[in-house]
Amino acid sequence: MSRNHNEINSDKTTGPVKQQQTRIELKYLLDNQQSCAIKEWARKHLDSDPNCVPRGHDHYDVSTLYFDTQELDLYHRTGRVGRTKYRIRGYNDRETVWLETKTKKKVVVSKNRSAVSTEEFDRYLGQQNSSGARLEEPWSGRWFQDGLSEHLLIPIVQIGYQRFARLGVFDGEAMRLTIDNQLEASHATSNQLRTPSHERSIATPDILELKFNNQMPAPFKQLLSLFPLTLHGFSKYRTAVEACGIFSQVPEYHSCA
């Protein structure tokens, strides 16, 4: 697995046109008391994420647009289009848009992502290209656009939330702790990330994620000894689809493999 600390230190790491990363992500659900206590622990043991606003604080806003087929094959896990999630993500002021795929196998998460300017995004995937036509000139999100076309993916739901984020390095290994809350969701009708004001609030526990590249760092082991928690497979996408009533019945699918 990759040991590039920059790949885990921030959700908004800059780098090559198409970044690739693989890391371990452990997910837990927290009640309010647990969430407050773990945030205090994190403030004592980890550093603030430099992308938090205002600088030096420990949270930022995230908006994510998820794609699926018309029949919701990813939601229903039919296997027709695999299990890779395609999503568009924006942070805070959204001067940059991130095109991302995510594949998870147990606790190992693999991602591909590219950062594009809002102008570039608008030209190729946004309002200026509302017809959906594939413009032939090269651009940094071509791989993402081709994936949408290959799998016949369309925008399904947009999710917004606030993310508490702290990070650090222990024995040369990068580690990252996030807690997401205040989830909102709305049915998506275009490739555009909308202002979260029209979204529906979703009552969920806070979502803790511990992220690291190889072996679990000792500080995280200490955290889990102080707060006995149970691993959870919570999915923001599936929760949002259900909260917004976006359902489609599809026949049972049996793979020939």
C-alpha atoms as a PDB file:
ATOM      1  CA  MET A   1       0.000   0.000   0.000  1.00  0.00           C
ATOM      2  CA  SER A   2       1.061   3.570  -0.630  1.00  0.00           C
ATOM      3  CA  ARG A   3       3.045   5.339   2.058  1.00  0.00           C
ATOM      4  CA  ASN A   4       2.834   8.810   0.526  1.00  0.00           C
ATOM      5  CA  HIS A   5       1.790  10.913   3.509  1.00  0.00           C
ATOM      6  CA  ASN A   6       0.320  13.609   1.298  1.00  0.00           C
ATOM      7  CA  GLU A   7      -2.231  11.130   0.027  1.00  0.00           C
ATOM      8  CA  ILE A   8      -3.755  10.698   3.457  1.00  0.00           C
ATOM      9  CA  ASN A   9      -3.128  14.040   5.102  1.00  0.00           C
ATOM     10  CA  SER A  10      -5.977  15.869   3.435  1.00  0.00           C
ATOM     11  CA  ASP A  11      -9.071  15.366   1.328  1.00  0.00           C
ATOM     12  CA  LYS A  12      -7.800  18.123  -0.965  1.00  0.00           C
ATOM     13  CA  THR A  13      -4.210  17.060  -1.642  1.00  0.00           C
ATOM     14  CA  THR A  14      -2.859  18.517  -4.854  1.00  0.00           C
ATOM     15  CA  GLY A  15      -0.775  16.415  -7.192  1.00  0.00           C
ATOM     16  CA  PRO A  16      -0.837  14.740 -10.595  1.00  0.00           C
ATOM     17  CA  VAL A  17      -3.762  14.986 -12.995  1.00  0.00           C
ATOM     18  CA  LYS A  18      -5.120  11.633 -11.818  1.00  0.00           C
ATOM     19  CA  GLN A  19      -4.191  10.765  -8.259  1.00  0.00           C
ATOM     20  CA  GLN A  20      -4.409   7.195  -7.054  1.00  0.00           C
ATOM     21  CA  GLN A  21      -4.436   6.119  -3.431  1.00  0.00           C
ATOM     22  CA  THR A  22      -5.141   3.003  -1.401  1.00  0.00           C
ATOM     23  CA  ARG A  23      -5.566   3.085   2.348  1.00  0.00           C
ATOM     24  CA  ILE A  24      -7.383   1.453   5.235  1.00  0.00           C
ATOM     25  CA  GLU A  25     -10.531   3.186   6.460  1.00  0.00           C
ATOM     26  CA  LEU A  26     -12.326   2.069   9.610  1.00  0.00           C
ATOM     27  CA  LYS A  27     -15.813   3.447  10.182  1.00  0.00           C
ATOM     28  CA  TYR A  28     -17.779   3.774  13.441  1.00  0.00           C
ATOM     29  CA  LEU A  29     -21.067   5.407  14.450  1.00  0.00           C
ATOM     30  CA  LEU A  30     -21.057   7.739  17.470  1.00  0.00           C
ATOM     31  CA  ASP A  31     -23.675   9.198  19.753  1.00  0.00           C
ATOM     32  CA  ASN A  32     -23.336  12.859  20.680  1.00  0.00           C
ATOM     33  CA  GLN A  33     -21.445  12.188  23.913  1.00  0.00           C
ATOM     34  CA  GLN A  34     -18.945   9.906  22.187  1.00  0.00           C
ATOM     35  CA  SER A  35     -18.488  12.377  19.348  1.00  0.00           C
ATOM     36  CA  CYS A  36     -17.700  15.276  21.692  1.00  0.00           C
ATOM     37  CA  ALA A  37     -15.273  13.178  23.736  1.00  0.00           C
ATOM     38  CA  ILE A  38     -13.412  11.851  20.680  1.00  0.00           C
ATOM     39  CA  LYS A  39     -13.132  15.347  19.211  1.00  0.00           C
ATOM     40  CA  GLU A  40     -11.485  16.494  22.440  1.00  0.00           C
ATOM     41  CA  TRP A  41      -9.126  13.514  22.331  1.00  0.00           C
ATOM     42  CA  ALA A  42      -8.254  14.305  18.712  1.00  0.00           C
ATOM     43  CA  ARG A  43      -7.534  17.960  19.489  1.00  0.00           C
ATOM     44  CA  LYS A  44      -5.012  16.853  22.113  1.00  0.00           C
ATOM     45  CA  HIS A  45      -3.279  14.167  20.051  1.00  0.00           C
ATOM     46  CA  LEU A  46      -3.558  15.251  16.399  1.00  0.00           C
ATOM     47  CA  ASP A  47      -2.976  18.393  14.355  1.00  0.00           C
ATOM     48  CA  SER A  48      -5.590  20.488  12.591  1.00  0.00           C
ATOM     49  CA  ASP A  49      -6.187  19.834   8.907  1.00  0.00           C
ATOM     50  CA  PRO A  50      -4.747  22.864   7.035  1.00  0.00           C
ATOM     51  CA  ASN A  51      -7.831  22.958   4.812  1.00  0.00           C
ATOM     52  CA  CYS A  52     -10.236  23.632   7.673  1.00  0.00           C
ATOM     53  CA  VAL A  53     -11.872  27.062   7.697  1.00  0.00           C
ATOM     54  CA  PRO A  54     -11.105  29.468   9.068  1.00  0.00           C
ATOM     55  CA  ARG A  55      -7.507  28.266   9.027  1.00  0.00           C
ATOM     56  CA  GLY A  56      -6.529  26.667  12.324  1.00  0.00           C
ATOM     57  CA  HIS A  57     -10.031  25.386  13.091  1.00  0.00           C
ATOM     58  CA  ASP A  58     -11.026  21.764  12.676  1.00  0.00           C
ATOM     59  CA  HIS A  59     -13.976  21.461  10.310  1.00  0.00           C
ATOM     60  CA  TYR A  60     -15.032  22.179   6.727  1.00  0.00           C
ATOM     61  CA  ASP A  61     -18.074  21.621   4.514  1.00  0.00           C
ATOM     62  CA  VAL A  62     -18.316  18.835   1.944  1.00  0.00           C
ATOM     63  CA  SER A  63     -20.781  18.454  -0.941  1.00  0.00           C
ATOM     64  CA  THR A  64     -20.819  15.240  -2.968  1.00  0.00           C
ATOM     65  CA  LEU A  65     -22.830  14.284  -6.046  1.00  0.00           C
ATOM     66  CA  TYR A  66     -23.243  10.517  -6.543  1.00  0.00           C
ATOM     67  CA  PHE A  67     -23.891   8.716  -9.838  1.00  0.00           C
ATOM     68  CA  ASP A  68     -25.667   5.439 -10.529  1.00  0.00           C
ATOM     69  CA  THR A  69     -27.569   3.792 -13.362  1.00  0.00           C
ATOM     70  CA  GLN A  70     -31.221   4.600 -14.049  1.00  0.00           C
ATOM     71  CA  GLU A  71     -32.069   1.295 -12.309  1.00  0.00           C
ATOM     72  CA  LEU A  72     -29.808   2.065  -9.329  1.00  0.00           C
ATOM     73  CA  ASP A  73     -27.546  -0.917  -9.933  1.00  0.00           C
ATOM     74  CA  LEU A  74     -24.920   0.365  -7.475  1.00  0.00           C
ATOM     75  CA  TYR A  75     -27.514   0.932  -4.783  1.00  0.00           C
ATOM     76  CA  HIS A  76     -29.071  -2.504  -5.340  1.00  0.00           C
ATOM     77  CA  ARG A  77     -25.620  -4.119  -5.728  1.00  0.00           C
ATOM     78  CA  THR A  78     -26.676  -6.071  -8.805  1.00  0.00           C
ATOM     79  CA  GLY A  79     -23.118  -6.437 -10.086  1.00  0.00           C
ATOM     80  CA  ARG A  80     -23.991  -5.107 -13.543  1.00  0.00           C
ATOM     81  CA  VAL A  81     -21.629  -2.121 -13.299  1.00  0.00           C
ATOM     82  CA  GLY A  82     -19.273  -3.373 -10.598  1.00  0.00           C
ATOM     83  CA  ARG A  83     -19.048  -1.695  -7.204  1.00  0.00           C
ATOM     84  CA  THR A  84     -17.051   1.430  -8.021  1.00  0.00           C
ATOM     85  CA  LYS A  85     -18.770   4.644  -6.997  1.00  0.00           C
ATOM     86  CA  TYR A  86     -18.451   7.686  -9.249  1.00  0.00           C
ATOM     87  CA  ARG A  87     -18.861  11.035  -7.519  1.00  0.00           C
ATOM     88  CA  ILE A  88     -18.167  14.741  -7.861  1.00  0.00           C
ATOM     89  CA  ARG A  89     -17.033  16.514  -4.711  1.00  0.00           C
ATOM     90  CA  GLY A  90     -16.647  20.119  -3.664  1.00  0.00           C
ATOM     91  CA  TYR A  91     -15.279  21.721  -0.490  1.00  0.00           C
ATOM     92  CA  ASN A  92     -16.184  25.031   1.134  1.00  0.00           C
ATOM     93  CA  ASP A  93     -16.052  27.699  -1.602  1.00  0.00           C
ATOM     94  CA  ARG A  94     -15.915  25.133  -4.460  1.00  0.00           C
ATOM     95  CA  GLU A  95     -13.293  26.932  -6.510  1.00  0.00           C
ATOM     96  CA  THR A  96     -12.076  23.446  -7.410  1.00  0.00           C
ATOM     97  CA  VAL A  97     -14.212  20.416  -8.213  1.00  0.00           C
ATOM     98  CA  TRP A  98     -12.945  16.884  -7.580  1.00  0.00           C
ATOM     99  CA  LEU A  99     -13.860  14.010  -9.897  1.00  0.00           C
ATOM    100  CA  GLU A 100     -13.506  10.775  -7.985  1.00  0.00           C
ATOM    101  CA  THR A 101     -14.046   7.031  -8.068  1.00  0.00           C
ATOM    102  CA  LYS A 102     -14.051   4.922  -4.931  1.00  0.00           C
ATOM    103  CA  THR A 103     -13.896   1.157  -4.556  1.00  0.00           C
ATOM    104  CA  LYS A 104     -14.012  -0.572  -1.181  1.00  0.00           C
ATOM    105  CA  LYS A 105     -13.095  -4.163  -0.328  1.00  0.00           C
ATOM    106  CA  LYS A 106     -13.735  -4.816   3.352  1.00  0.00           C
ATOM    107  CA  VAL A 107     -11.732  -2.016   5.043  1.00  0.00           C
ATOM    108  CA  VAL A 108      -9.371  -1.244   2.126  1.00  0.00           C
ATOM    109  CA  VAL A 109     -10.415   1.752   0.040  1.00  0.00           C
ATOM    110  CA  SER A 110      -8.980   2.582  -3.387  1.00  0.00           C
ATOM    111  CA  LYS A 111      -9.564   5.980  -4.974  1.00  0.00           C
ATOM    112  CA  ASN A 112      -8.811   7.736  -8.234  1.00  0.00           C
ATOM    113  CA  ARG A 113      -9.379  11.486  -8.306  1.00  0.00           C
ATOM    114  CA  SER A 114      -8.659  14.571 -10.372  1.00  0.00           C
ATOM    115  CA  ALA A 115      -8.979  18.222  -9.425  1.00  0.00           C
ATOM    116  CA  VAL A 116     -10.473  20.487 -12.084  1.00  0.00           C
ATOM    117  CA  SER A 117     -11.309  24.165 -12.019  1.00  0.00           C
ATOM    118  CA  THR A 118     -14.960  25.163 -11.988  1.00  0.00           C
ATOM    119  CA  GLU A 119     -14.467  26.636 -15.476  1.00  0.00           C
ATOM    120  CA  GLU A 120     -13.055  23.372 -16.841  1.00  0.00           C
ATOM    121  CA  PHE A 121     -15.768  21.346 -15.137  1.00  0.00           C
ATOM    122  CA  ASP A 122     -18.498  23.600 -16.526  1.00  0.00           C
ATOM    123  CA  ARG A 123     -17.135  23.266 -20.064  1.00  0.00           C
ATOM    124  CA  TYR A 124     -16.995  19.480 -20.125  1.00  0.00           C
ATOM    125  CA  LEU A 125     -19.550  18.239 -17.599  1.00  0.00           C
ATOM    126  CA  GLY A 126     -21.523  21.252 -16.404  1.00  0.00           C
ATOM    127  CA  GLN A 127     -23.971  23.827 -17.685  1.00  0.00           C
ATOM    128  CA  GLN A 128     -21.989  24.825 -20.777  1.00  0.00           C
ATOM    129  CA  ASN A 129     -22.181  21.205 -21.937  1.00  0.00           C
ATOM    130  CA  SER A 130     -25.790  20.598 -20.926  1.00  0.00           C
ATOM    131  CA  SER A 131     -26.331  18.373 -23.996  1.00  0.00           C
ATOM    132  CA  GLY A 132     -23.946  15.793 -22.530  1.00  0.00           C
ATOM    133  CA  ALA A 133     -21.944  15.679 -25.754  1.00  0.00           C
ATOM    134  CA  ARG A 134     -18.407  14.346 -25.446  1.00  0.00           C
ATOM    135  CA  LEU A 135     -15.993  17.104 -26.472  1.00  0.00           C
ATOM    136  CA  GLU A 136     -12.981  15.522 -28.111  1.00  0.00           C
ATOM    137  CA  GLU A 137     -10.145  17.738 -26.896  1.00  0.00           C
ATOM    138  CA  PRO A 138      -8.137  16.273 -23.987  1.00  0.00           C
ATOM    139  CA  TRP A 139      -8.828  17.397 -20.427  1.00  0.00           C
ATOM    140  CA  SER A 140      -7.916  16.167 -16.949  1.00  0.00           C
ATOM    141  CA  GLY A 141     -11.310  14.593 -16.247  1.00  0.00           C
ATOM    142  CA  ARG A 142     -11.560  12.563 -19.451  1.00  0.00           C
ATOM    143  CA  TRP A 143     -11.128   9.252 -17.582  1.00  0.00           C
ATOM    144  CA  PHE A 144     -14.047  10.143 -15.285  1.00  0.00           C
ATOM    145  CA  GLN A 145     -16.301  11.270 -18.134  1.00  0.00           C
ATOM    146  CA  ASP A 146     -15.520   8.087 -20.076  1.00  0.00           C
ATOM    147  CA  GLY A 147     -16.422   5.988 -17.030  1.00  0.00           C
ATOM    148  CA  LEU A 148     -19.815   7.688 -16.742  1.00  0.00           C
ATOM    149  CA  SER A 149     -20.505   6.962 -20.409  1.00  0.00           C
ATOM    150  CA  GLU A 150     -19.266   3.375 -20.312  1.00  0.00           C
ATOM    151  CA  HIS A 151     -21.491   2.432 -17.365  1.00  0.00           C
ATOM    152  CA  LEU A 152     -24.456   4.646 -18.353  1.00  0.00           C
ATOM    153  CA  LEU A 153     -24.262   6.524 -15.052  1.00  0.00           C
ATOM    154  CA  ILE A 154     -26.448   9.525 -14.254  1.00  0.00           C
ATOM    155  CA  PRO A 155     -26.552  11.896 -11.243  1.00  0.00           C
ATOM    156  CA  ILE A 156     -28.765  10.438  -8.510  1.00  0.00           C
ATOM    157  CA  VAL A 157     -28.338  12.245  -5.210  1.00  0.00           C
ATOM    158  CA  GLN A 158     -26.341  15.095  -3.678  1.00  0.00           C
ATOM    159  CA  ILE A 159     -25.135  14.881  -0.096  1.00  0.00           C
ATOM    160  CA  GLY A 160     -23.787  17.662   2.092  1.00  0.00           C
ATOM    161  CA  TYR A 161     -22.231  17.438   5.548  1.00  0.00           C
ATOM    162  CA  GLN A 162     -19.776  19.032   7.932  1.00  0.00           C
ATOM    163  CA  ARG A 163     -16.446  17.258   8.480  1.00  0.00           C
ATOM    164  CA  PHE A 164     -14.291  17.483  11.598  1.00  0.00           C
ATOM    165  CA  ALA A 165     -10.741  16.583  10.555  1.00  0.00           C
ATOM    166  CA  ARG A 166      -7.435  16.046  12.378  1.00  0.00           C
ATOM    167  CA  LEU A 167      -4.238  14.423  11.161  1.00  0.00           C
ATOM    168  CA  GLY A 168      -0.773  13.381  12.255  1.00  0.00           C
ATOM    169  CA  VAL A 169       2.233  11.127  11.690  1.00  0.00           C
ATOM    170  CA  PHE A 170       3.360   8.345  14.045  1.00  0.00           C
ATOM    171  CA  ASP A 171       6.536   6.326  13.445  1.00  0.00           C
ATOM    172  CA  GLY A 172       6.612   7.613   9.890  1.00  0.00           C
ATOM    173  CA  GLU A 173       3.022   6.540   9.174  1.00  0.00           C
ATOM    174  CA  ALA A 174       0.411   9.144   8.270  1.00  0.00           C
ATOM    175  CA  MET A 175      -2.938   8.947  10.030  1.00  0.00           C
ATOM    176  CA  ARG A 176      -6.173  10.865   9.708  1.00  0.00           C
ATOM    177  CA  LEU A 177      -9.324  11.081  11.839  1.00  0.00           C
ATOM    178  CA  THR A 178     -12.599  12.521  10.574  1.00  0.00           C
ATOM    179  CA  ILE A 179     -16.072  12.870  12.081  1.00  0.00           C
ATOM    180  CA  ASP A 180     -18.954  13.701   9.730  1.00  0.00           C
ATOM    181  CA  ASN A 181     -22.299  15.076  10.872  1.00  0.00           C
ATOM    182  CA  GLN A 182     -25.212  17.322   9.848  1.00  0.00           C
ATOM    183  CA  LEU A 183     -25.971  15.190   6.798  1.00  0.00           C
ATOM    184  CA  GLU A 184     -28.316  16.625   4.179  1.00  0.00           C
ATOM    185  CA  ALA A 185     -29.420  15.123   0.878  1.00  0.00           C
ATOM    186  CA  SER A 186     -31.487  15.932  -2.204  1.00  0.00           C
ATOM    187  CA  HIS A 187     -32.442  14.238  -5.467  1.00  0.00           C
ATOM    188  CA  ALA A 188     -29.944  15.257  -8.171  1.00  0.00           C
ATOM    189  CA  THR A 189     -31.165  16.419 -11.561  1.00  0.00           C
ATOM    190  CA  SER A 190     -27.905  17.581 -13.183  1.00  0.00           C
ATOM    191  CA  ASN A 191     -24.127  17.315 -12.876  1.00  0.00           C
ATOM    192  CA  GLN A 192     -24.005  20.621 -10.978  1.00  0.00           C
ATOM    193  CA  LEU A 193     -23.221  20.764  -7.258  1.00  0.00           C
ATOM    194  CA  ARG A 194     -26.009  22.864  -5.772  1.00  0.00           C
ATOM    195  CA  THR A 195     -26.008  25.093  -2.720  1.00  0.00           C
ATOM    196  CA  PRO A 196     -26.989  22.854   0.236  1.00  0.00           C
ATOM    197  CA  SER A 197     -29.922  25.091   1.268  1.00  0.00           C
ATOM    198  CA  HIS A 198     -32.453  22.930  -0.647  1.00  0.00           C
ATOM    199  CA  GLU A 199     -31.337  19.643   0.854  1.00  0.00           C
ATOM    200  CA  ARG A 200     -33.171  17.384   3.286  1.00  0.00           C
ATOM    201  CA  SER A 201     -31.719  16.851   6.742  1.00  0.00           C
ATOM    202  CA  ILE A 202     -30.976  13.236   7.631  1.00  0.00           C
ATOM    203  CA  ALA A 203     -30.983  12.181  11.276  1.00  0.00           C
ATOM    204  CA  THR A 204     -27.949   9.905  11.658  1.00  0.00           C
ATOM    205  CA  PRO A 205     -25.300   9.297  14.311  1.00  0.00           C
ATOM    206  CA  ASP A 206     -21.996  11.071  13.785  1.00  0.00           C
ATOM    207  CA  ILE A 207     -19.673   9.058  11.546  1.00  0.00           C
ATOM    208  CA  LEU A 208     -16.090   8.492  12.727  1.00  0.00           C
ATOM    209  CA  GLU A 209     -13.445   7.300  10.273  1.00  0.00           C
ATOM    210  CA  LEU A 210      -9.886   6.296  11.126  1.00  0.00           C
ATOM    211  CA  LYS A 211      -7.638   6.351   8.045  1.00  0.00           C
ATOM    212  CA  PHE A 212      -4.096   5.046   7.696  1.00  0.00           C
ATOM    213  CA  ASN A 213      -1.897   3.365   5.123  1.00  0.00           C
ATOM    214  CA  ASN A 214      -0.589   0.123   6.660  1.00  0.00           C
ATOM    215  CA  GLN A 215      -0.605  -0.910  10.328  1.00  0.00           C
ATOM    216  CA  MET A 216      -2.934   0.856  12.734  1.00  0.00           C
ATOM    217  CA  PRO A 217      -0.941   3.635  14.466  1.00  0.00           C
ATOM    218  CA  ALA A 218      -0.530   3.367  18.250  1.00  0.00           C
ATOM    219  CA  PRO A 219      -2.573   6.555  18.935  1.00  0.00           C
ATOM    220  CA  PHE A 220      -5.575   4.996  17.201  1.00  0.00           C
ATOM    221  CA  LYS A 221      -5.142   1.819  19.245  1.00  0.00           C
ATOM    222  CA  GLN A 222      -5.152   3.988  22.344  1.00  0.00           C
ATOM    223  CA  LEU A 223      -8.304   5.758  21.162  1.00  0.00           C
ATOM    224  CA  LEU A 224     -10.145   2.473  20.643  1.00  0.00           C
ATOM    225  CA  SER A 225      -9.080   1.237  24.068  1.00  0.00           C
ATOM    226  CA  LEU A 226     -10.572   4.368  25.636  1.00  0.00           C
ATOM    227  CA  PHE A 227     -13.751   4.260  23.542  1.00  0.00           C
ATOM    228  CA  PRO A 228     -14.829   0.677  22.756  1.00  0.00           C
ATOM    229  CA  LEU A 229     -16.543   1.011  19.377  1.00  0.00           C
ATOM    230  CA  THR A 230     -17.959  -1.423  16.828  1.00  0.00           C
ATOM    231  CA  LEU A 231     -16.975  -1.311  13.158  1.00  0.00           C
ATOM    232  CA  HIS A 232     -19.849  -0.274  10.922  1.00  0.00           C
ATOM    233  CA  GLY A 233     -20.471  -0.398   7.182  1.00  0.00           C
ATOM    234  CA  PHE A 234     -22.499   2.822   7.078  1.00  0.00           C
ATOM    235  CA  SER A 235     -22.973   4.203   3.542  1.00  0.00           C
ATOM    236  CA  LYS A 236     -23.841   7.872   3.018  1.00  0.00           C
ATOM    237  CA  TYR A 237     -24.988   7.113  -0.519  1.00  0.00           C
ATOM    238  CA  ARG A 238     -27.378   4.318   0.426  1.00  0.00           C
ATOM    239  CA  THR A 239     -28.711   6.314   3.374  1.00  0.00           C
ATOM    240  CA  ALA A 240     -29.372   9.353   1.168  1.00  0.00           C
ATOM    241  CA  VAL A 241     -31.125   7.313  -1.534  1.00  0.00           C
ATOM    242  CA  GLU A 242     -33.448   5.880   1.111  1.00  0.00           C
ATOM    243  CA  ALA A 243     -34.025   9.222   2.863  1.00  0.00           C
ATOM    244  CA  CYS A 244     -34.983  10.901  -0.436  1.00  0.00           C
ATOM    245  CA  GLY A 245     -37.238   8.040  -1.509  1.00  0.00           C
ATOM    246  CA  ILE A 246     -35.212   7.334  -4.640  1.00  0.00           C
ATOM    247  CA  PHE A 247     -36.047   3.699  -5.309  1.00  0.00           C
ATOM    248  CA  SER A 248     -36.230   1.556  -8.427  1.00  0.00           C
ATOM    249  CA  GLN A 249     -37.103  -2.099  -8.470  1.00  0.00           C
ATOM    250  CA  VAL A 250     -34.814  -4.205 -10.661  1.00  0.00           C
ATOM    251  CA  PRO A 251     -34.833  -7.924 -11.446  1.00  0.00           C
ATOM    252  CA  GLU A 252     -32.489 -10.122  -9.438  1.00  0.00           C
ATOM    253  CA  TYR A 253     -29.170 -10.359 -11.242  1.00  0.00           C
ATOM    254  CA  HIS A 254     -27.040 -13.499 -11.243  1.00  0.00           C
ATOM    255  CA  SER A 255     -23.453 -13.237 -12.432  1.00  0.00           C
ATOM    256  CA  CYS A 256     -22.160 -15.943 -14.768  1.00  0.00           C
ATOM    257  CA  ALA A 257     -18.774 -15.812 -13.019  1.00  0.00           C
END
